[in-house]
Protein backbone atom coordinates (compact mmCIF):
# COMPACT_ATOMS: atom_id res chain seq x y z
CA MET A 1 20.21 13.38 12.45
CA ASP A 2 20.67 14.39 16.06
CA ALA A 3 19.83 12.29 18.95
CA ALA A 4 16.67 14.44 20.09
CA THR A 5 15.06 14.20 16.36
CA ARG A 6 15.92 10.51 16.27
CA GLU A 7 14.21 9.95 19.69
CA ARG A 8 11.23 11.60 18.50
CA LEU A 9 10.96 9.88 15.11
CA VAL A 10 11.26 6.46 16.80
CA ALA A 11 8.77 7.48 19.20
CA LEU A 12 6.52 8.08 16.43
CA ARG A 13 7.02 5.06 14.63
CA ARG A 14 6.34 2.98 17.94
CA ASP A 15 3.09 4.76 18.41
CA LEU A 16 1.90 4.09 15.03
CA HIS A 17 2.87 0.50 15.48
CA ARG A 18 0.81 0.26 18.56
CA HIS A 19 -2.14 1.46 16.53
CA PRO A 20 -2.15 -0.17 13.14
CA GLU A 21 -5.35 0.44 11.03
CA PRO A 22 -6.22 -1.27 7.66
CA ALA A 23 -7.43 0.36 4.47
CA TRP A 24 -9.50 3.57 4.45
CA CYS A 25 -9.74 3.35 8.42
CA GLU A 26 -6.28 5.07 8.85
CA PHE A 27 -8.03 7.77 11.31
CA TYR A 28 -5.39 7.72 14.18
CA THR A 29 -2.60 7.30 11.77
CA THR A 30 -3.55 10.20 9.47
CA ALA A 31 -4.26 12.31 12.83
CA ARG A 32 -0.70 11.64 14.08
CA VAL A 33 1.07 12.18 10.77
CA VAL A 34 -0.82 15.55 10.52
CA GLU A 35 0.17 16.62 13.75
CA ALA A 36 3.96 15.67 12.98
CA CYS A 37 3.70 17.60 9.83
CA GLU A 38 2.21 20.69 11.62
CA ARG A 39 5.17 20.62 14.07
CA VAL A 40 7.74 20.55 11.09
CA GLY A 41 5.92 23.79 9.81
CA VAL A 42 4.85 22.88 6.55
CA ASP A 43 3.24 25.43 4.18
CA GLU A 44 0.33 23.53 2.96
CA LEU A 45 -1.46 20.49 4.44
CA HIS A 46 -4.16 18.79 2.34
CA VAL A 47 -6.04 16.30 4.54
CA GLY A 48 -8.37 13.63 3.75
CA PRO A 49 -10.69 14.22 0.72
CA ASP A 50 -8.50 17.20 -0.14
CA ALA A 51 -5.83 14.64 -0.89
CA LEU A 52 -7.89 12.31 -2.82
CA ALA A 53 -9.94 11.70 -5.90
CA THR A 54 -12.44 10.31 -3.67
CA ASP A 55 -14.41 8.68 -6.29
CA ASP A 56 -11.36 6.43 -7.32
CA ARG A 57 -10.97 4.71 -4.08
CA MET A 58 -11.11 1.08 -4.06
CA ALA A 59 -11.64 -1.61 -1.32
CA VAL A 60 -13.47 0.85 0.93
CA PRO A 61 -14.99 -0.83 3.76
CA ASP A 62 -18.67 -0.55 4.77
CA ASP A 63 -19.97 2.27 6.95
CA ASP A 64 -20.16 0.43 10.12
CA THR A 65 -16.51 -0.96 9.86
CA LEU A 66 -15.46 3.01 9.06
CA ALA A 67 -17.48 4.15 12.08
CA GLU A 68 -15.72 1.43 14.54
CA TRP A 69 -12.31 2.53 13.26
CA ARG A 70 -13.20 6.09 13.65
CA ASP A 71 -14.57 5.79 17.13
CA ARG A 72 -11.56 3.76 18.17
CA ALA A 73 -9.05 6.48 16.83
CA LEU A 74 -10.91 9.10 19.13
CA ASP A 75 -11.16 6.71 22.00
CA GLU A 76 -7.31 6.51 21.65
CA GLY A 77 -6.66 9.98 21.79
CA ALA A 78 -6.70 11.26 18.02
CA ASP A 79 -7.37 14.83 17.52
CA GLU A 80 -10.95 15.12 16.92
CA SER A 81 -10.81 18.18 14.71
CA ILE A 82 -8.43 16.11 12.41
CA VAL A 83 -10.62 13.11 12.49
CA SER A 84 -13.80 15.03 11.64
CA ARG A 85 -12.14 15.80 8.18
CA LEU A 86 -11.81 12.16 7.44
CA GLU A 87 -15.50 11.22 7.63
CA GLY A 88 -16.44 8.22 5.44
CA GLY A 89 -12.89 6.85 5.53
CA LYS A 90 -11.37 9.58 3.32
CA THR A 91 -7.94 9.14 5.05
CA GLY A 92 -4.25 9.98 4.12
CA ALA A 93 -2.78 13.64 3.74
CA ILE A 94 -0.18 15.48 1.52
CA ALA A 95 2.42 17.86 3.19
CA VAL A 96 3.88 20.51 1.05
CA LEU A 97 6.86 22.45 1.81
CA GLU A 98 7.70 25.51 -0.39
CA CYS A 99 11.36 26.57 -0.40
CA GLY A 100 11.57 29.14 -3.26
CA ASP A 101 12.11 28.83 -6.93
CA GLY A 102 12.96 25.15 -8.21
CA PRO A 103 11.20 22.02 -9.31
CA THR A 104 8.83 20.25 -7.60
CA VAL A 105 9.79 16.86 -6.04
CA GLY A 106 7.38 14.27 -4.61
CA LEU A 107 7.86 11.46 -2.08
CA ARG A 108 5.46 8.81 -1.58
CA VAL A 109 4.79 6.85 1.76
CA ASP A 110 2.01 4.64 2.64
CA ILE A 111 0.51 4.12 6.05
CA ASP A 112 -2.14 1.36 6.40
CA ALA A 113 -1.62 -2.12 8.11
CA LEU A 114 -2.62 -5.71 7.65
CA HIS A 115 -5.14 -8.02 9.10
CA ILE A 116 -2.54 -10.31 11.06
CA THR A 117 -2.15 -11.01 14.79
CA GLU A 118 1.26 -9.78 16.04
CA SER A 119 3.37 -12.18 17.80
CA THR A 120 3.48 -12.14 21.71
CA ASP A 121 6.96 -13.86 21.73
CA ASP A 122 9.52 -12.50 24.20
CA ASP A 123 11.98 -12.36 21.17
CA HIS A 124 9.79 -10.29 19.10
CA HIS A 125 11.06 -6.68 19.87
CA PRO A 126 7.59 -4.83 19.84
CA ALA A 127 6.31 -7.12 22.34
CA SER A 128 9.33 -7.19 24.61
CA ALA A 129 9.75 -3.26 24.13
CA GLY A 130 6.11 -2.52 24.93
CA PHE A 131 4.78 -1.28 21.65
CA ARG A 132 3.10 -4.46 20.32
CA SER A 133 -0.25 -3.76 18.46
CA GLU A 134 -3.13 -2.80 20.55
CA HIS A 135 -5.41 -3.67 17.78
CA GLU A 136 -5.69 -7.38 18.23
CA GLY A 137 -5.57 -9.23 14.76
CA TYR A 138 -4.04 -6.30 13.03
CA MET A 139 -0.41 -5.21 12.95
CA HIS A 140 2.29 -3.32 10.90
CA ALA A 141 3.63 -6.28 9.27
CA CYS A 142 4.98 -4.73 6.10
CA GLY A 143 6.79 -1.61 7.70
CA HIS A 144 4.26 1.05 6.58
CA ASP A 145 4.70 2.65 10.26
CA GLY A 146 8.54 2.91 9.39
CA HIS A 147 7.40 4.53 5.90
CA ALA A 148 5.26 7.01 7.55
CA THR A 149 8.02 7.88 9.98
CA ILE A 150 10.57 8.23 7.06
CA GLY A 151 8.14 10.67 5.21
CA VAL A 152 7.94 12.98 8.55
CA GLY A 153 11.80 12.52 8.90
CA VAL A 154 12.36 13.71 5.19
CA LEU A 155 10.22 16.90 5.73
CA GLU A 156 12.21 17.86 8.66
CA ALA A 157 15.53 17.25 6.93
CA VAL A 158 14.66 18.83 3.86
CA ALA A 159 13.27 21.98 5.87
CA ASP A 160 16.70 22.15 7.54
CA SER A 161 18.56 22.06 4.29
CA ASP A 162 19.51 24.35 1.22
CA PHE A 163 16.95 22.71 -0.77
CA GLU A 164 15.39 25.06 -3.46
CA GLY A 165 11.93 23.85 -4.83
CA THR A 166 8.67 22.52 -3.71
CA LEU A 167 8.63 19.16 -1.83
CA LYS A 168 5.23 16.95 -1.46
CA VAL A 169 5.31 14.17 0.79
CA LEU A 170 2.05 11.97 0.03
CA PHE A 171 0.96 9.85 3.08
CA GLN A 172 -0.96 7.22 1.10
CA PRO A 173 -3.70 5.10 2.55
CA ALA A 174 -4.78 1.38 1.44
CA GLU A 175 -1.74 0.20 -0.32
CA GLU A 176 -2.02 -3.22 1.03
CA ARG A 177 -5.45 -3.44 -0.67
CA VAL A 178 -4.07 -1.71 -3.77
CA GLY A 179 -6.67 0.57 -3.29
CA GLY A 180 -5.35 4.02 -2.48
CA GLY A 181 -2.90 4.60 -5.23
CA GLN A 182 -5.17 5.60 -8.08
CA ALA A 183 -7.12 8.08 -5.74
CA MET A 184 -4.13 9.96 -4.91
CA ALA A 185 -2.81 9.84 -8.21
CA GLU A 186 -5.82 11.32 -9.69
CA SER A 187 -6.17 14.10 -7.21
CA GLY A 188 -4.43 16.51 -9.18
CA HIS A 189 -1.58 17.07 -6.64
CA LEU A 190 1.04 15.12 -8.94
CA ASP A 191 0.32 16.97 -12.03
CA ASP A 192 3.25 19.52 -11.33
CA VAL A 193 5.74 17.30 -9.93
CA ASP A 194 8.83 16.96 -11.88
CA TYR A 195 10.92 14.34 -9.80
CA PHE A 196 8.86 11.61 -7.66
CA TYR A 197 10.25 8.81 -5.36
CA ALA A 198 8.38 6.09 -3.59
CA VAL A 199 10.11 4.03 -0.85
CA HIS A 200 9.76 0.71 1.01
CA LEU A 201 11.67 -0.83 3.86
CA GLY A 202 12.99 -4.38 3.58
CA LEU A 203 12.10 -6.42 0.65
CA ASP A 204 14.57 -9.09 1.76
CA HIS A 205 17.47 -6.51 1.85
CA PRO A 206 19.40 -6.36 5.02
CA THR A 207 20.24 -3.22 7.17
CA GLY A 208 22.90 -1.26 5.44
CA GLU A 209 21.89 -2.18 1.91
CA VAL A 210 19.93 -0.09 -0.39
CA VAL A 211 18.28 -0.59 -3.71
CA ALA A 212 18.49 2.54 -6.14
CA GLY A 213 15.85 1.54 -8.46
CA VAL A 214 13.19 -1.19 -7.89
CA GLY A 215 11.19 -2.56 -10.78
CA GLY A 216 9.64 -5.69 -11.76
CA PHE A 217 6.27 -4.69 -10.54
CA LEU A 218 3.44 -7.12 -11.58
CA ALA A 219 0.30 -5.30 -12.60
CA VAL A 220 -2.42 -6.72 -10.28
CA SER A 221 -6.30 -6.71 -10.09
CA HIS A 222 -8.29 -8.01 -7.11
CA MET A 223 -11.47 -9.41 -7.92
CA LEU A 224 -14.77 -10.39 -5.89
CA ALA A 225 -17.28 -12.72 -7.61
CA GLU A 226 -20.65 -13.25 -5.75
CA PHE A 227 -22.48 -16.28 -6.98
CA GLU A 228 -26.43 -16.68 -6.47
CA GLY A 229 -28.39 -19.79 -6.96
CA GLU A 230 -31.52 -21.29 -5.49
CA PRO A 231 -32.01 -23.23 -2.35
CA SER A 232 -33.64 -26.32 -1.87
CA HIS A 233 -33.65 -29.51 0.17
CA ALA A 234 -30.60 -31.64 -0.75
CA GLY A 235 -32.26 -34.85 0.29
CA ALA A 236 -35.88 -34.52 -1.04
CA HIS A 237 -35.58 -32.02 -3.94
CA PRO A 238 -32.14 -31.60 -5.09
CA GLU A 239 -33.16 -30.88 -8.56
CA GLN A 240 -34.90 -27.96 -7.57
CA GLY A 241 -31.87 -26.14 -6.21
CA ARG A 242 -29.46 -24.09 -8.38
CA ASN A 243 -25.97 -24.84 -6.58
CA ALA A 244 -23.92 -21.70 -6.25
CA VAL A 245 -20.99 -23.69 -4.48
CA GLN A 246 -20.95 -25.92 -7.48
CA ALA A 247 -20.56 -22.80 -9.83
CA MET A 248 -17.89 -21.39 -7.39
CA ALA A 249 -15.91 -24.75 -7.40
CA THR A 250 -16.08 -24.72 -11.34
CA ALA A 251 -14.82 -21.34 -11.57
CA VAL A 252 -11.83 -21.89 -9.17
CA GLN A 253 -10.69 -24.96 -11.06
CA ASN A 254 -11.04 -23.22 -14.51
CA LEU A 255 -9.42 -19.83 -13.31
CA TYR A 256 -6.27 -22.06 -12.84
CA ALA A 257 -6.69 -23.20 -16.22
CA ILE A 258 -6.29 -20.03 -18.05
CA PRO A 259 -3.41 -20.25 -20.64
CA ARG A 260 -0.14 -18.54 -20.00
CA HIS A 261 0.71 -15.79 -22.30
CA ASP A 262 4.18 -15.82 -24.30
CA ASP A 263 4.52 -11.87 -23.72
CA GLY A 264 5.64 -12.49 -20.13
CA ALA A 265 4.77 -13.84 -16.61
CA THR A 266 1.24 -14.07 -15.53
CA ARG A 267 -0.44 -15.15 -12.15
CA VAL A 268 -3.96 -16.01 -10.96
CA ASN A 269 -4.94 -17.00 -7.47
CA ALA A 270 -8.39 -17.74 -5.77
CA GLY A 271 -7.21 -16.81 -2.41
CA HIS A 272 -10.53 -16.81 -0.34
CA VAL A 273 -13.62 -18.77 -1.13
CA GLY A 274 -16.68 -19.88 0.65
CA GLY A 275 -20.37 -20.36 0.47
CA GLY A 276 -23.29 -22.47 1.55
CA SER A 277 -25.31 -22.89 4.87
CA ALA A 278 -25.88 -26.41 5.89
CA THR A 279 -25.09 -29.83 4.87
CA ASN A 280 -28.90 -30.52 3.79
CA VAL A 281 -29.47 -27.25 2.11
CA ILE A 282 -28.27 -26.89 -1.74
CA PRO A 283 -26.21 -23.81 -1.35
CA GLU A 284 -28.01 -20.50 -2.42
CA GLU A 285 -24.87 -18.03 -2.20
CA ALA A 286 -21.09 -18.63 -2.70
CA PHE A 287 -17.96 -16.22 -3.41
CA VAL A 288 -14.50 -16.37 -4.73
CA GLU A 289 -12.08 -13.38 -3.83
CA GLY A 290 -9.00 -13.71 -6.00
CA GLU A 291 -6.37 -11.72 -8.09
CA VAL A 292 -4.64 -11.79 -11.44
CA ARG A 293 -1.38 -10.35 -12.14
CA GLY A 294 1.04 -9.78 -15.18
CA GLU A 295 4.37 -8.75 -15.91
CA THR A 296 2.85 -5.69 -17.72
CA THR A 297 -0.41 -4.09 -17.54
CA GLU A 298 -1.51 -5.54 -20.79
CA LEU A 299 -0.89 -8.91 -19.51
CA MET A 300 -2.78 -8.35 -16.41
CA GLU A 301 -5.68 -7.19 -18.31
CA TYR A 302 -5.43 -10.28 -20.46
CA MET A 303 -5.59 -12.35 -17.34
CA LYS A 304 -8.51 -10.27 -15.85
CA GLU A 305 -10.37 -10.73 -19.20
CA LYS A 306 -9.87 -14.43 -19.15
CA ALA A 307 -10.90 -14.68 -15.41
CA ASP A 308 -13.99 -12.61 -15.98
CA ARG A 309 -15.09 -15.26 -18.69
CA VAL A 310 -14.42 -18.14 -16.65
CA LEU A 311 -16.50 -16.67 -13.59
CA ARG A 312 -19.54 -15.95 -15.95
CA SER A 313 -19.41 -19.30 -17.79
CA ALA A 314 -19.36 -21.15 -14.60
CA ALA A 315 -22.34 -19.32 -13.25
CA GLU A 316 -24.19 -20.08 -16.40
CA MET A 317 -23.07 -23.76 -16.56
CA HIS A 318 -24.85 -24.22 -13.26
CA GLU A 319 -27.90 -21.79 -13.90
CA CYS A 320 -26.56 -19.31 -11.12
CA ASP A 321 -26.06 -15.35 -11.29
CA VAL A 322 -22.64 -13.83 -10.70
CA THR A 323 -21.79 -10.19 -9.84
CA ILE A 324 -18.01 -9.40 -10.29
CA SER A 325 -16.26 -6.31 -8.88
CA THR A 326 -12.93 -5.05 -8.90
CA GLU A 327 -11.86 -4.54 -5.40
CA GLY A 328 -8.33 -3.27 -6.05
CA GLU A 329 -5.95 -2.67 -9.08
CA ALA A 330 -2.52 -1.00 -9.78
CA PRO A 331 -0.55 -1.13 -12.93
CA SER A 332 3.03 -1.78 -13.68
CA ALA A 333 5.81 0.63 -13.59
CA GLU A 334 9.70 1.20 -14.16
CA SER A 335 12.09 3.48 -12.38
CA ASP A 336 13.74 6.33 -14.48
CA GLN A 337 17.52 5.62 -14.57
CA ALA A 338 18.27 9.47 -13.94
CA LEU A 339 16.81 9.16 -10.64
CA VAL A 340 18.20 5.77 -9.90
CA ASP A 341 21.81 7.37 -10.53
CA VAL A 342 21.05 10.15 -8.14
CA PHE A 343 19.97 8.26 -5.34
CA ALA A 344 22.62 5.48 -5.84
CA GLU A 345 25.40 8.16 -5.70
CA ASP A 346 24.01 9.99 -2.88
CA ALA A 347 23.25 7.04 -0.63
CA GLY A 348 26.83 5.87 -1.11
CA SER A 349 27.86 8.44 1.11
CA VAL A 350 25.11 8.10 3.87
CA GLU A 351 26.38 6.75 7.45
CA GLY A 352 25.18 3.27 7.62
CA VAL A 353 25.16 2.45 4.10
CA GLU A 354 27.39 -0.33 3.39
CA ASN A 355 26.12 -1.60 -0.09
CA VAL A 356 24.20 0.14 -2.92
CA VAL A 357 22.39 -2.18 -5.41
CA GLU A 358 21.61 -0.35 -8.63
CA ARG A 359 18.32 -2.52 -9.38
CA ASP A 360 16.30 -5.17 -8.21
CA ALA A 361 12.94 -6.56 -9.16
CA LEU A 362 10.05 -6.67 -6.74
CA GLY A 363 8.16 -9.78 -7.91
CA GLY A 364 5.05 -8.51 -6.34
CA SER A 365 2.82 -5.66 -6.71
CA GLU A 366 2.61 -1.99 -5.56
CA ASP A 367 -0.15 0.70 -6.29
CA ALA A 368 2.86 3.59 -5.87
CA THR A 369 2.80 2.63 -9.70
CA TYR A 370 -0.19 4.61 -10.16
CA LEU A 371 1.66 7.74 -8.98
CA MET A 372 4.70 6.81 -10.66
CA ARG A 373 2.88 6.47 -13.85
CA ARG A 374 0.97 9.66 -13.53
CA VAL A 375 4.25 11.74 -12.97
CA GLN A 376 5.99 10.24 -16.08
CA GLN A 377 2.89 10.80 -18.00
CA THR A 378 3.05 14.45 -17.19
CA GLY A 379 6.69 14.52 -18.09
CA GLY A 380 8.41 13.89 -14.87
CA LEU A 381 10.80 11.09 -13.70
CA ALA A 382 9.96 8.65 -10.94
CA CYS A 383 11.74 5.99 -9.12
CA PHE A 384 10.83 3.39 -6.39
CA VAL A 385 13.69 2.79 -3.87
CA CYS A 386 14.21 0.28 -1.05
CA ILE A 387 15.81 0.88 2.21
CA GLY A 388 17.11 -2.59 3.90
CA THR A 389 16.29 -3.48 7.19
CA ASP A 390 16.70 -6.64 9.25
CA HIS A 391 13.27 -8.15 9.69
CA PRO A 392 13.25 -11.40 11.79
CA GLY A 393 10.07 -12.48 10.26
CA GLY A 394 9.07 -12.10 6.60
CA HIS A 395 6.94 -9.37 5.02
CA HIS A 396 3.18 -10.09 6.02
CA THR A 397 4.16 -12.27 9.18
CA SER A 398 3.44 -12.08 12.84
CA THR A 399 6.81 -11.63 13.76
CA PHE A 400 7.68 -8.98 11.26
CA ASP A 401 9.70 -5.82 12.43
CA VAL A 402 12.15 -3.45 11.27
CA ASP A 403 15.65 -2.25 12.45
CA GLU A 404 15.02 1.19 13.60
CA THR A 405 18.47 2.32 12.52
CA SER A 406 17.12 1.77 8.92
CA LEU A 407 14.91 4.69 9.39
CA ASP A 408 17.99 7.07 9.55
CA VAL A 409 19.43 5.49 6.41
CA GLY A 410 16.08 6.24 4.78
CA ILE A 411 15.75 9.83 5.80
CA ASP A 412 19.35 10.66 5.02
CA SER A 413 19.25 8.81 1.67
CA LEU A 414 15.92 10.29 0.33
CA SER A 415 16.82 13.84 1.69
CA ARG A 416 19.98 13.87 -0.09
CA ALA A 417 18.45 12.73 -3.31
CA ILE A 418 15.65 15.15 -3.12
CA CYS A 419 18.17 18.03 -2.46
CA SER A 420 20.04 16.66 -5.56
CA VAL A 421 17.40 16.38 -8.12
CA ALA A 422 16.14 19.95 -7.01
CA ALA A 423 19.66 21.14 -8.06
CA ASP A 424 19.06 19.62 -11.45
CA ARG A 425 21.36 16.87 -11.04
CA PRO A 426 19.33 14.55 -13.52
């Protein structure tokens, strides 16, 4: 990568870092990515609803929230002609590069940010270098600004290579809420993909180290349970009320009592709970936001079924009603060894790569698994790779940042692997 290209891509990463946007609110991010892809000269650009099965979106914010983020993007200079195509929070894009006869290769990068306030400390590089988040309370604390930049960089590198085939780069919204993978997987754009890579920066691997095949994805389901009871005066007539907080508290305790399963690891967490209005009012409303996970999709579904029963039983016990909704979900998946081998061999000769790890387990969840499984189910191969980066704070913390030299490693490693698989290396 020449110095001018690197400078342009670093500037893109920093611009995206300054303008973090949460799930389905990535109006500015999508607009900037589309502009960057147009500059590369791609053959097709599927923007917003053209890149998604919109009915399969999960965790979509309300209309007022979407409108607020759309207006903010326009105020900050996002191209109005692009933003107008994203109405209703239908964000994201797919760029297609056609380079003659050959297989179709896909690359997925995610683009959304987190609800975290970024550090202002002088030793936090984005703060000291002037590209800290301008959206207070939100930041790129997981590297998705770098992922989007890698996606653009790979398009440029492949366009300038001897690649023969079709490359599709998918800029996916809403990964942090595991809400966008299914919508992109069901769009139809993956049905002709022969080989597919997804990428993540960091994951506790240092700069100079890459992982050729990430696995161990825990299937996950995010749930929202809303309890409704009956208010009454807590002092004068407590017996006339139906206590929604009591139902919620019962549910939380019993969620953690779901039996483990001998087929593999399972998880449950009630991460956000609340309810009630005053000390002297029997609570009428309460809620639980939580998640269940499993080492396999079947184990996650086991946990989900048990959690649903716990929530409904707790409501019935305290004569309340409960509404349960799925706010986000992703299955498990495994990287195909043939693509692991190609990436490992090519990455070993990339400048800046000091160590190639063949495989590692994520230990968490990722909705790239929807896209991986879609490709595998239609006869293709899929692989999730990690590009190590020195990050001073852990993922999802206020001091998270990426070492920008790892962008070069990611672009070079992936573009080489994409060219290799197109040449029928697997």
